[in-house]
């Protein structure tokens, strides 16, 4: 092991200790407490380090080398080995020599081990160690304790602890308070701290301010701060990752990747950068392409392992969601959202609602998802209250200044008007983004419903016939709309075929009623007669007989006038056959009249 002179060691050790407190918030949440989003971002970013593991280099020989290279696993192992050496040397009556050889005392070793645990994402272990240090050494580590509490989500406890720290001008205390009051919703205190950070020239404070912009979905403001800092600090390469994250959130995936490549060219094995690249690939291409980017680091226990496991579920279209996501609900915020989406896709609306009901939305996609969940639940339960909540959430996104011209914003407004049943307005918004969803079955399904509701039956029929998703095609609503469009487009036999391919149940009965009544209105009397005949057999009510009688009369009129529609292929005998199967006394009288004037129907 390389040795240093005593004075040189002490000087370098003091430098490391000085940076210790300022650096502790420079990392985003790792492993067991990842980031604020599915691409990872530091919530109290204030440091200058990289965004993940660094390039492999020859094995470090000192603690300083490990820390500079951010190899915290190696640093912890080094420190634990130092402890073991010290114990052995004490047993040989040479206490202190081992520690002196490395320039570290036992107290310093314990603090550095806690520091390493923090940066490895083991916040609970780091908290336990700092408490032990504080108790045994009476050392001032309150800020370190508060930071660990922050990352464990113990915001009230952390705020209490920080409030008792008398050191007023400590930059770390200011940054930590800034993010704590944001979490706790203390608006006035937050505004005061925001002004202080905004007027600070400190790089750490500016980066912390930028991260707050990011958390509040003010991505352009965050970009402006990052660009200003990067102009004067071009060697702060990790800022490129933060910029790429902001561009990703603004849907500028190509631009995000361009900026990210600057960082990856220097640090090709950075977990966070590789993960973000995979997310860009997912948006630009598909999940299979995205998975290729992270397949080599997803299962090796690396930094950000939880985040990678979460994203693999997303890339695989929900595969493994129930196995992976529940354990990540309090670790990766997006896990809750994506699990709710999974439940929605499976039709488990109640489960999705249970996940979302306590969530207070803070970003557009959270408002959108909450709106969708309430819309689905409202339709399932017939609840106007849930529908109203859905309308409010979706309308809020669609009318906001930042989202009104985005694709999600216009989708949200279209959905809100859909729930308001203002379908002409729905078409205005859906037409504006149609080119982005030409082959999207869900979009085409919703678009077709709005077209059908406004009388554009031919266009609606074409959209419905394009859909290939069998889950959609098997839906009762799909069959109802398709049958209606077929009838209004002069294809009543196709509507009849939709019915005869359905199972006999209550939904099939409703479909039959729709076919009967719509065909009657459109003067497609023969299919209407068949439908009313079937209805009469299922429910021999006066209404169904009257519908059948009127439809049969319409068929006779169509045959007498040689009309192009409303006529049976087999001629008058088919009409007589339908009437003969009725138990109503009027049927026989109609048959006698038809036979009397049969020459008029040939």
Foldseek 3Di string as FASTA:
>chain_A
DDFDDLVVLQVVVVVVVVCLLVCLQQAAAKDQFFAQALLTDRQQHQDLDAHFQFDDDPDDDALVVCVVNVVLVVNLVVLVVLVVVQVVCVVVVNHPPSCSRRSHDPLRSLLSNLSSCSSLNVLVVSLVSVVVSCVPVVDPCLLVNLVSCVSVVVLVVSLVSLVPDPPDPDPSSLSSVLSSCVVVVVVVVNVVSLVVLVPDPRSSSLLSNLSVCVSLLVLVVSLVSLVVSCVVVVVSLNSLQVNLVSCVSVVVLVVSVVSLVSSCVRGVPGPSSLLSVLVSCCSVPALVSSCVSCVVPQPPSGIRNLSSVQVNCVRVVNVCLVVRLVSCVNRHVCSLVVNLVVCVVVVNLVVSCVSLVPDDDSDLVNLQSQLVSLCSVCVVVVNPVSLVSSLVSLQCQCPDPVRVPPLSSLVSNLVSVVSVVVLVSNQVSLVVCVVVCVLPLVSLQVNLVSCLSVPVLVSSLVSLVSHDPVVVVLDLVSLLSNCLSCLVVVNNVVNVVSLVVDDDDPSSLVSLVSSLVSNVVSLQLVSNLVSLLVVCVVPVDPVSVVSNVVSLVSQQVCLLVVPPHSHDPVFPVVSLVSLVPDPDPVSVVVNVVCVVPVVSRD
